[in-house]
Amino acid sequence: MDILAFLFLFIAVLVIFKIGGLIFKAAFFLISIPLQILAALIVTVVLLAIVPITLFSGILGLILLPLGLLAPLLPLLLIGFGIYLLARR
């Protein structure tokens, strides 16, 4: 008989903890909804600010890439330009 009472109390405590956990989980979810909305808003604003910057940087990189590839040839180009200036006179 004592074992049955113990099992009944154990099941009652288990059910109470389960219900308490569900209530806590629901309350936590309801409290976190405004924070989730705020996080989505911040991510959207940051994304809308970064996308034009990345597009501009990409286009600028495509324009300046050939100049960067020609940079090792710059001393030879300057020497050639100097010889051209000397020969033109």
PDB file of N, CA and C in Angstrom:
ATOM      1  N   MET A   1       0.807  -1.186   0.000  1.00  0.00           N
ATOM      2  CA  MET A   1       0.000   0.000   0.000  1.00  0.00           C
ATOM      3  C   MET A   1       0.860   1.264   0.000  1.00  0.00           C
ATOM      4  N   ASP A   2       1.970   1.218   0.724  1.00  0.00           N
ATOM      5  CA  ASP A   2       2.864   2.369   0.750  1.00  0.00           C
ATOM      6  C   ASP A   2       3.505   2.600  -0.621  1.00  0.00           C
ATOM      7  N   ILE A   3       3.778   1.519  -1.323  1.00  0.00           N
ATOM      8  CA  ILE A   3       4.381   1.653  -2.653  1.00  0.00           C
ATOM      9  C   ILE A   3       3.399   2.323  -3.607  1.00  0.00           C
ATOM     10  N   LEU A   4       2.109   1.960  -3.507  1.00  0.00           N
ATOM     11  CA  LEU A   4       1.105   2.585  -4.376  1.00  0.00           C
ATOM     12  C   LEU A   4       0.965   4.073  -4.076  1.00  0.00           C
ATOM     13  N   ALA A   5       0.989   4.434  -2.819  1.00  0.00           N
ATOM     14  CA  ALA A   5       0.908   5.853  -2.449  1.00  0.00           C
ATOM     15  C   ALA A   5       2.147   6.595  -2.953  1.00  0.00           C
ATOM     16  N   PHE A   6       3.300   5.976  -2.788  1.00  0.00           N
ATOM     17  CA  PHE A   6       4.535   6.594  -3.284  1.00  0.00           C
ATOM     18  C   PHE A   6       4.484   6.777  -4.800  1.00  0.00           C
ATOM     19  N   LEU A   7       4.038   5.754  -5.530  1.00  0.00           N
ATOM     20  CA  LEU A   7       3.940   5.866  -6.987  1.00  0.00           C
ATOM     21  C   LEU A   7       2.922   6.926  -7.400  1.00  0.00           C
ATOM     22  N   PHE A   8       1.794   7.007  -6.677  1.00  0.00           N
ATOM     23  CA  PHE A   8       0.796   8.024  -6.983  1.00  0.00           C
ATOM     24  C   PHE A   8       1.370   9.427  -6.768  1.00  0.00           C
ATOM     25  N   LEU A   9       2.074   9.632  -5.666  1.00  0.00           N
ATOM     26  CA  LEU A   9       2.703  10.941  -5.414  1.00  0.00           C
ATOM     27  C   LEU A   9       3.780  11.235  -6.455  1.00  0.00           C
ATOM     28  N   PHE A  10       4.541  10.220  -6.808  1.00  0.00           N
ATOM     29  CA  PHE A  10       5.590  10.401  -7.820  1.00  0.00           C
ATOM     30  C   PHE A  10       4.975  10.819  -9.155  1.00  0.00           C
ATOM     31  N   ILE A  11       3.891  10.170  -9.565  1.00  0.00           N
ATOM     32  CA  ILE A  11       3.225  10.515 -10.826  1.00  0.00           C
ATOM     33  C   ILE A  11       2.620  11.911 -10.744  1.00  0.00           C
ATOM     34  N   ALA A  12       2.039  12.266  -9.586  1.00  0.00           N
ATOM     35  CA  ALA A  12       1.449  13.596  -9.409  1.00  0.00           C
ATOM     36  C   ALA A  12       2.529  14.673  -9.525  1.00  0.00           C
ATOM     37  N   VAL A  13       3.660  14.454  -8.875  1.00  0.00           N
ATOM     38  CA  VAL A  13       4.765  15.417  -8.954  1.00  0.00           C
ATOM     39  C   VAL A  13       5.295  15.501 -10.381  1.00  0.00           C
ATOM     40  N   LEU A  14       5.393  14.370 -11.049  1.00  0.00           N
ATOM     41  CA  LEU A  14       5.864  14.360 -12.427  1.00  0.00           C
ATOM     42  C   LEU A  14       4.924  15.147 -13.341  1.00  0.00           C
ATOM     43  N   VAL A  15       3.609  14.974 -13.169  1.00  0.00           N
ATOM     44  CA  VAL A  15       2.630  15.702 -13.970  1.00  0.00           C
ATOM     45  C   VAL A  15       2.696  17.203 -13.674  1.00  0.00           C
ATOM     46  N   ILE A  16       2.836  17.552 -12.405  1.00  0.00           N
ATOM     47  CA  ILE A  16       2.933  18.972 -12.036  1.00  0.00           C
ATOM     48  C   ILE A  16       4.179  19.601 -12.660  1.00  0.00           C
ATOM     49  N   PHE A  17       5.308  18.895 -12.611  1.00  0.00           N
ATOM     50  CA  PHE A  17       6.528  19.426 -13.227  1.00  0.00           C
ATOM     51  C   PHE A  17       6.374  19.552 -14.741  1.00  0.00           C
ATOM     52  N   LYS A  18       5.713  18.582 -15.380  1.00  0.00           N
ATOM     53  CA  LYS A  18       5.496  18.648 -16.824  1.00  0.00           C
ATOM     54  C   LYS A  18       4.622  19.857 -17.181  1.00  0.00           C
ATOM     55  N   ILE A  19       3.544  20.049 -16.432  1.00  0.00           N
ATOM     56  CA  ILE A  19       2.659  21.189 -16.705  1.00  0.00           C
ATOM     57  C   ILE A  19       3.388  22.505 -16.438  1.00  0.00           C
ATOM     58  N   GLY A  20       4.151  22.547 -15.363  1.00  0.00           N
ATOM     59  CA  GLY A  20       4.948  23.751 -15.069  1.00  0.00           C
ATOM     60  C   GLY A  20       5.956  24.034 -16.166  1.00  0.00           C
ATOM     61  N   GLY A  21       6.590  22.992 -16.673  1.00  0.00           N
ATOM     62  CA  GLY A  21       7.546  23.170 -17.768  1.00  0.00           C
ATOM     63  C   GLY A  21       6.879  23.679 -19.030  1.00  0.00           C
ATOM     64  N   LEU A  22       5.692  23.159 -19.338  1.00  0.00           N
ATOM     65  CA  LEU A  22       4.966  23.633 -20.520  1.00  0.00           C
ATOM     66  C   LEU A  22       4.555  25.093 -20.364  1.00  0.00           C
ATOM     67  N   ILE A  23       4.097  25.464 -19.164  1.00  0.00           N
ATOM     68  CA  ILE A  23       3.715  26.858 -18.918  1.00  0.00           C
ATOM     69  C   ILE A  23       4.938  27.763 -19.032  1.00  0.00           C
ATOM     70  N   PHE A  24       6.067  27.328 -18.457  1.00  0.00           N
ATOM     71  CA  PHE A  24       7.302  28.116 -18.556  1.00  0.00           C
ATOM     72  C   PHE A  24       7.745  28.262 -20.006  1.00  0.00           C
ATOM     73  N   LYS A  25       7.648  27.187 -20.766  1.00  0.00           N
ATOM     74  CA  LYS A  25       8.044  27.225 -22.171  1.00  0.00           C
ATOM     75  C   LYS A  25       7.148  28.178 -22.963  1.00  0.00           C
ATOM     76  N   ALA A  26       5.846  28.125 -22.716  1.00  0.00           N
ATOM     77  CA  ALA A  26       4.912  29.017 -23.412  1.00  0.00           C
ATOM     78  C   ALA A  26       5.164  30.468 -23.026  1.00  0.00           C
ATOM     79  N   ALA A  27       5.395  30.716 -21.740  1.00  0.00           N
ATOM     80  CA  ALA A  27       5.660  32.084 -21.291  1.00  0.00           C
ATOM     81  C   ALA A  27       6.963  32.609 -21.899  1.00  0.00           C
ATOM     82  N   PHE A  28       7.974  31.793 -21.917  1.00  0.00           N
ATOM     83  CA  PHE A  28       9.252  32.207 -22.502  1.00  0.00           C
ATOM     84  C   PHE A  28       9.092  32.524 -23.989  1.00  0.00           C
ATOM     85  N   PHE A  29       8.308  31.703 -24.695  1.00  0.00           N
ATOM     86  CA  PHE A  29       8.078  31.940 -26.118  1.00  0.00           C
ATOM     87  C   PHE A  29       7.320  33.241 -26.320  1.00  0.00           C
ATOM     88  N   LEU A  30       6.299  33.493 -25.503  1.00  0.00           N
ATOM     89  CA  LEU A  30       5.518  34.724 -25.651  1.00  0.00           C
ATOM     90  C   LEU A  30       6.339  35.961 -25.310  1.00  0.00           C
ATOM     91  N   ILE A  31       7.228  35.836 -24.347  1.00  0.00           N
ATOM     92  CA  ILE A  31       8.085  36.972 -23.999  1.00  0.00           C
ATOM     93  C   ILE A  31       9.117  37.215 -25.097  1.00  0.00           C
ATOM     94  N   SER A  32       9.572  36.161 -25.749  1.00  0.00           N
ATOM     95  CA  SER A  32      10.633  36.312 -26.743  1.00  0.00           C
ATOM     96  C   SER A  32      10.123  36.757 -28.109  1.00  0.00           C
ATOM     97  N   ILE A  33       8.809  36.768 -28.344  1.00  0.00           N
ATOM     98  CA  ILE A  33       8.286  37.172 -29.655  1.00  0.00           C
ATOM     99  C   ILE A  33       8.687  38.605 -30.025  1.00  0.00           C
ATOM    100  N   PRO A  34       8.532  39.599 -29.125  1.00  0.00           N
ATOM    101  CA  PRO A  34       8.976  40.949 -29.512  1.00  0.00           C
ATOM    102  C   PRO A  34      10.474  41.013 -29.818  1.00  0.00           C
ATOM    103  N   LEU A  35      11.265  40.232 -29.078  1.00  0.00           N
ATOM    104  CA  LEU A  35      12.705  40.226 -29.343  1.00  0.00           C
ATOM    105  C   LEU A  35      13.015  39.595 -30.698  1.00  0.00           C
ATOM    106  N   GLN A  36      12.247  38.580 -31.076  1.00  0.00           N
ATOM    107  CA  GLN A  36      12.441  37.975 -32.391  1.00  0.00           C
ATOM    108  C   GLN A  36      12.058  38.958 -33.500  1.00  0.00           C
ATOM    109  N   ILE A  37      10.987  39.706 -33.296  1.00  0.00           N
ATOM    110  CA  ILE A  37      10.580  40.710 -34.287  1.00  0.00           C
ATOM    111  C   ILE A  37      11.646  41.793 -34.387  1.00  0.00           C
ATOM    112  N   LEU A  38      12.174  42.233 -33.253  1.00  0.00           N
ATOM    113  CA  LEU A  38      13.219  43.258 -33.252  1.00  0.00           C
ATOM    114  C   LEU A  38      14.482  42.743 -33.945  1.00  0.00           C
ATOM    115  N   ALA A  39      14.840  41.497 -33.708  1.00  0.00           N
ATOM    116  CA  ALA A  39      16.021  40.918 -34.359  1.00  0.00           C
ATOM    117  C   ALA A  39      15.818  40.852 -35.873  1.00  0.00           C
ATOM    118  N   ALA A  40      14.624  40.463 -36.312  1.00  0.00           N
ATOM    119  CA  ALA A  40      14.355  40.409 -37.751  1.00  0.00           C
ATOM    120  C   ALA A  40      14.425  41.803 -38.358  1.00  0.00           C
ATOM    121  N   LEU A  41      13.931  42.804 -37.644  1.00  0.00           N
ATOM    122  CA  LEU A  41      13.980  44.184 -38.134  1.00  0.00           C
ATOM    123  C   LEU A  41      15.422  44.671 -38.248  1.00  0.00           C
ATOM    124  N   ILE A  42      16.233  44.388 -37.251  1.00  0.00           N
ATOM    125  CA  ILE A  42      17.638  44.812 -37.279  1.00  0.00           C
ATOM    126  C   ILE A  42      18.389  44.121 -38.416  1.00  0.00           C
ATOM    127  N   VAL A  43      18.154  42.824 -38.596  1.00  0.00           N
ATOM    128  CA  VAL A  43      18.815  42.091 -39.684  1.00  0.00           C
ATOM    129  C   VAL A  43      18.401  42.658 -41.038  1.00  0.00           C
ATOM    130  N   THR A  44      17.128  43.007 -41.191  1.00  0.00           N
ATOM    131  CA  THR A  44      16.658  43.573 -42.451  1.00  0.00           C
ATOM    132  C   THR A  44      17.307  44.915 -42.728  1.00  0.00           C
ATOM    133  N   VAL A  45      17.386  45.770 -41.725  1.00  0.00           N
ATOM    134  CA  VAL A  45      17.993  47.090 -41.914  1.00  0.00           C
ATOM    135  C   VAL A  45      19.474  46.950 -42.259  1.00  0.00           C
ATOM    136  N   VAL A  46      20.169  46.072 -41.559  1.00  0.00           N
ATOM    137  CA  VAL A  46      21.592  45.872 -41.837  1.00  0.00           C
ATOM    138  C   VAL A  46      21.785  45.319 -43.246  1.00  0.00           C
ATOM    139  N   LEU A  47      20.934  44.384 -43.637  1.00  0.00           N
ATOM    140  CA  LEU A  47      21.039  43.817 -44.982  1.00  0.00           C
ATOM    141  C   LEU A  47      20.789  44.878 -46.045  1.00  0.00           C
ATOM    142  N   LEU A  48      19.780  45.720 -45.826  1.00  0.00           N
ATOM    143  CA  LEU A  48      19.483  46.769 -46.799  1.00  0.00           C
ATOM    144  C   LEU A  48      20.591  47.815 -46.852  1.00  0.00           C
ATOM    145  N   ALA A  49      21.351  47.958 -45.784  1.00  0.00           N
ATOM    146  CA  ALA A  49      22.470  48.892 -45.788  1.00  0.00           C
ATOM    147  C   ALA A  49      23.705  48.282 -46.431  1.00  0.00           C
ATOM    148  N   ILE A  50      23.885  46.978 -46.291  1.00  0.00           N
ATOM    149  CA  ILE A  50      25.110  46.337 -46.773  1.00  0.00           C
ATOM    150  C   ILE A  50      25.041  45.994 -48.257  1.00  0.00           C
ATOM    151  N   VAL A  51      23.852  45.656 -48.759  1.00  0.00           N
ATOM    152  CA  VAL A  51      23.740  45.219 -50.160  1.00  0.00           C
ATOM    153  C   VAL A  51      24.226  46.289 -51.136  1.00  0.00           C
ATOM    154  N   PRO A  52      23.834  47.567 -51.017  1.00  0.00           N
ATOM    155  CA  PRO A  52      24.372  48.560 -51.958  1.00  0.00           C
ATOM    156  C   PRO A  52      25.885  48.738 -51.839  1.00  0.00           C
ATOM    157  N   ILE A  53      26.393  48.647 -50.623  1.00  0.00           N
ATOM    158  CA  ILE A  53      27.840  48.787 -50.430  1.00  0.00           C
ATOM    159  C   ILE A  53      28.579  47.637 -51.125  1.00  0.00           C
ATOM    160  N   THR A  54      28.060  46.421 -51.004  1.00  0.00           N
ATOM    161  CA  THR A  54      28.720  45.286 -51.650  1.00  0.00           C
ATOM    162  C   THR A  54      28.619  45.378 -53.170  1.00  0.00           C
ATOM    163  N   LEU A  55      27.483  45.843 -53.673  1.00  0.00           N
ATOM    164  CA  LEU A  55      27.367  46.016 -55.126  1.00  0.00           C
ATOM    165  C   LEU A  55      28.360  47.049 -55.633  1.00  0.00           C
ATOM    166  N   PHE A  56      28.466  48.179 -54.925  1.00  0.00           N
ATOM    167  CA  PHE A  56      29.415  49.225 -55.321  1.00  0.00           C
ATOM    168  C   PHE A  56      30.849  48.706 -55.254  1.00  0.00           C
ATOM    169  N   SER A  57      31.170  47.968 -54.195  1.00  0.00           N
ATOM    170  CA  SER A  57      32.523  47.426 -54.063  1.00  0.00           C
ATOM    171  C   SER A  57      32.822  46.412 -55.163  1.00  0.00           C
ATOM    172  N   GLY A  58      31.836  45.602 -55.513  1.00  0.00           N
ATOM    173  CA  GLY A  58      32.035  44.620 -56.581  1.00  0.00           C
ATOM    174  C   GLY A  58      32.278  45.280 -57.926  1.00  0.00           C
ATOM    175  N   ILE A  59      31.496  46.300 -58.243  1.00  0.00           N
ATOM    176  CA  ILE A  59      31.681  47.005 -59.521  1.00  0.00           C
ATOM    177  C   ILE A  59      33.030  47.717 -59.530  1.00  0.00           C
ATOM    178  N   LEU A  60      33.382  48.362 -58.417  1.00  0.00           N
ATOM    179  CA  LEU A  60      34.680  49.033 -58.327  1.00  0.00           C
ATOM    180  C   LEU A  60      35.831  48.042 -58.465  1.00  0.00           C
ATOM    181  N   GLY A  61      35.656  46.853 -57.878  1.00  0.00           N
ATOM    182  CA  GLY A  61      36.688  45.826 -58.009  1.00  0.00           C
ATOM    183  C   GLY A  61      36.847  45.341 -59.438  1.00  0.00           C
ATOM    184  N   LEU A  62      35.723  45.190 -60.141  1.00  0.00           N
ATOM    185  CA  LEU A  62      35.800  44.783 -61.540  1.00  0.00           C
ATOM    186  C   LEU A  62      36.473  45.833 -62.403  1.00  0.00           C
ATOM    187  N   ILE A  63      36.266  47.098 -62.065  1.00  0.00           N
ATOM    188  CA  ILE A  63      36.898  48.176 -62.836  1.00  0.00           C
ATOM    189  C   ILE A  63      38.394  48.255 -62.535  1.00  0.00           C
ATOM    190  N   LEU A  64      38.768  48.102 -61.260  1.00  0.00           N
ATOM    191  CA  LEU A  64      40.171  48.281 -60.865  1.00  0.00           C
ATOM    192  C   LEU A  64      41.009  47.008 -60.974  1.00  0.00           C
ATOM    193  N   LEU A  65      40.388  45.859 -61.243  1.00  0.00           N
ATOM    194  CA  LEU A  65      41.136  44.610 -61.338  1.00  0.00           C
ATOM    195  C   LEU A  65      42.192  44.633 -62.447  1.00  0.00           C
ATOM    196  N   PRO A  66      41.885  45.108 -63.634  1.00  0.00           N
ATOM    197  CA  PRO A  66      42.944  45.144 -64.659  1.00  0.00           C
ATOM    198  C   PRO A  66      44.125  46.029 -64.266  1.00  0.00           C
ATOM    199  N   LEU A  67      43.844  47.137 -63.562  1.00  0.00           N
ATOM    200  CA  LEU A  67      44.943  47.988 -63.108  1.00  0.00           C
ATOM    201  C   LEU A  67      45.806  47.262 -62.080  1.00  0.00           C
ATOM    202  N   GLY A  68      45.183  46.494 -61.241  1.00  0.00           N
ATOM    203  CA  GLY A  68      45.944  45.731 -60.259  1.00  0.00           C
ATOM    204  C   GLY A  68      46.796  44.657 -60.905  1.00  0.00           C
ATOM    205  N   LEU A  69      46.296  44.063 -61.979  1.00  0.00           N
ATOM    206  CA  LEU A  69      47.086  43.050 -62.681  1.00  0.00           C
ATOM    207  C   LEU A  69      48.240  43.663 -63.456  1.00  0.00           C
ATOM    208  N   LEU A  70      48.092  44.921 -63.879  1.00  0.00           N
ATOM    209  CA  LEU A  70      49.157  45.597 -64.607  1.00  0.00           C
ATOM    210  C   LEU A  70      50.173  46.273 -63.686  1.00  0.00           C
ATOM    211  N   ALA A  71      49.934  46.284 -62.380  1.00  0.00           N
ATOM    212  CA  ALA A  71      50.830  46.958 -61.439  1.00  0.00           C
ATOM    213  C   ALA A  71      52.262  46.431 -61.494  1.00  0.00           C
ATOM    214  N   PRO A  72      52.528  45.125 -61.648  1.00  0.00           N
ATOM    215  CA  PRO A  72      53.927  44.680 -61.738  1.00  0.00           C
ATOM    216  C   PRO A  72      54.631  45.208 -62.996  1.00  0.00           C
ATOM    217  N   LEU A  73      53.864  45.560 -64.012  1.00  0.00           N
ATOM    218  CA  LEU A  73      54.468  46.080 -65.236  1.00  0.00           C
ATOM    219  C   LEU A  73      54.707  47.588 -65.186  1.00  0.00           C
ATOM    220  N   LEU A  74      54.295  48.244 -64.103  1.00  0.00           N
ATOM    221  CA  LEU A  74      54.393  49.693 -64.009  1.00  0.00           C
ATOM    222  C   LEU A  74      55.824  50.219 -64.189  1.00  0.00           C
ATOM    223  N   PRO A  75      56.863  49.619 -63.573  1.00  0.00           N
ATOM    224  CA  PRO A  75      58.219  50.146 -63.824  1.00  0.00           C
ATOM    225  C   PRO A  75      58.615  50.063 -65.307  1.00  0.00           C
ATOM    226  N   LEU A  76      58.261  48.970 -65.958  1.00  0.00           N
ATOM    227  CA  LEU A  76      58.600  48.847 -67.374  1.00  0.00           C
ATOM    228  C   LEU A  76      57.832  49.867 -68.210  1.00  0.00           C
ATOM    229  N   LEU A  77      56.572  50.087 -67.873  1.00  0.00           N
ATOM    230  CA  LEU A  77      55.779  51.085 -68.596  1.00  0.00           C
ATOM    231  C   LEU A  77      56.342  52.492 -68.396  1.00  0.00           C
ATOM    232  N   LEU A  78      56.793  52.803 -67.171  1.00  0.00           N
ATOM    233  CA  LEU A  78      57.372  54.122 -66.906  1.00  0.00           C
ATOM    234  C   LEU A  78      58.702  54.298 -67.641  1.00  0.00           C
ATOM    235  N   ILE A  79      59.516  53.260 -67.684  1.00  0.00           N
ATOM    236  CA  ILE A  79      60.781  53.342 -68.431  1.00  0.00           C
ATOM    237  C   ILE A  79      60.492  53.525 -69.909  1.00  0.00           C
ATOM    238  N   GLY A  80      59.539  52.787 -70.421  1.00  0.00           N
ATOM    239  CA  GLY A  80      59.161  52.940 -71.826  1.00  0.00           C
ATOM    240  C   GLY A  80      58.612  54.325 -72.109  1.00  0.00           C
ATOM    241  N   PHE A  81      57.801  54.860 -71.199  1.00  0.00           N
ATOM    242  CA  PHE A  81      57.269  56.207 -71.388  1.00  0.00           C
ATOM    243  C   PHE A  81      58.381  57.252 -71.330  1.00  0.00           C
ATOM    244  N   GLY A  82      59.367  57.026 -70.448  1.00  0.00           N
ATOM    245  CA  GLY A  82      60.517  57.948 -70.377  1.00  0.00           C
ATOM    246  C   GLY A  82      61.330  57.900 -71.667  1.00  0.00           C
ATOM    247  N   ILE A  83      61.566  56.707 -72.202  1.00  0.00           N
ATOM    248  CA  ILE A  83      62.303  56.584 -73.471  1.00  0.00           C
ATOM    249  C   ILE A  83      61.513  57.255 -74.582  1.00  0.00           C
ATOM    250  N   TYR A  84      60.192  57.109 -74.582  1.00  0.00           N
ATOM    251  CA  TYR A  84      59.363  57.750 -75.595  1.00  0.00           C
ATOM    252  C   TYR A  84      59.474  59.276 -75.499  1.00  0.00           C
ATOM    253  N   LEU A  85      59.480  59.809 -74.267  1.00  0.00           N
ATOM    254  CA  LEU A  85      59.610  61.268 -74.106  1.00  0.00           C
ATOM    255  C   LEU A  85      60.980  61.758 -74.574  1.00  0.00           C
ATOM    256  N   LEU A  86      62.038  60.971 -74.284  1.00  0.00           N
ATOM    257  CA  LEU A  86      63.376  61.365 -74.718  1.00  0.00           C
ATOM    258  C   LEU A  86      63.513  61.271 -76.242  1.00  0.00           C
ATOM    259  N   ALA A  87      62.917  60.250 -76.837  1.00  0.00           N
ATOM    260  CA  ALA A  87      63.043  60.055 -78.278  1.00  0.00           C
ATOM    261  C   ALA A  87      62.169  61.040 -79.040  1.00  0.00           C
ATOM    262  N   ARG A  88      61.151  61.563 -78.441  1.00  0.00           N
ATOM    263  CA  ARG A  88      60.231  62.484 -79.122  1.00  0.00           C
ATOM    264  C   ARG A  88      60.893  63.825 -79.360  1.00  0.00           C
ATOM    265  N   ARG A  89      61.832  64.216 -78.514  1.00  0.00           N
ATOM    266  CA  ARG A  89      62.498  65.508 -78.689  1.00  0.00           C
ATOM    267  C   ARG A  89      63.444  65.384 -79.802  1.00  0.00           C
TER     268      ARG A  89
END
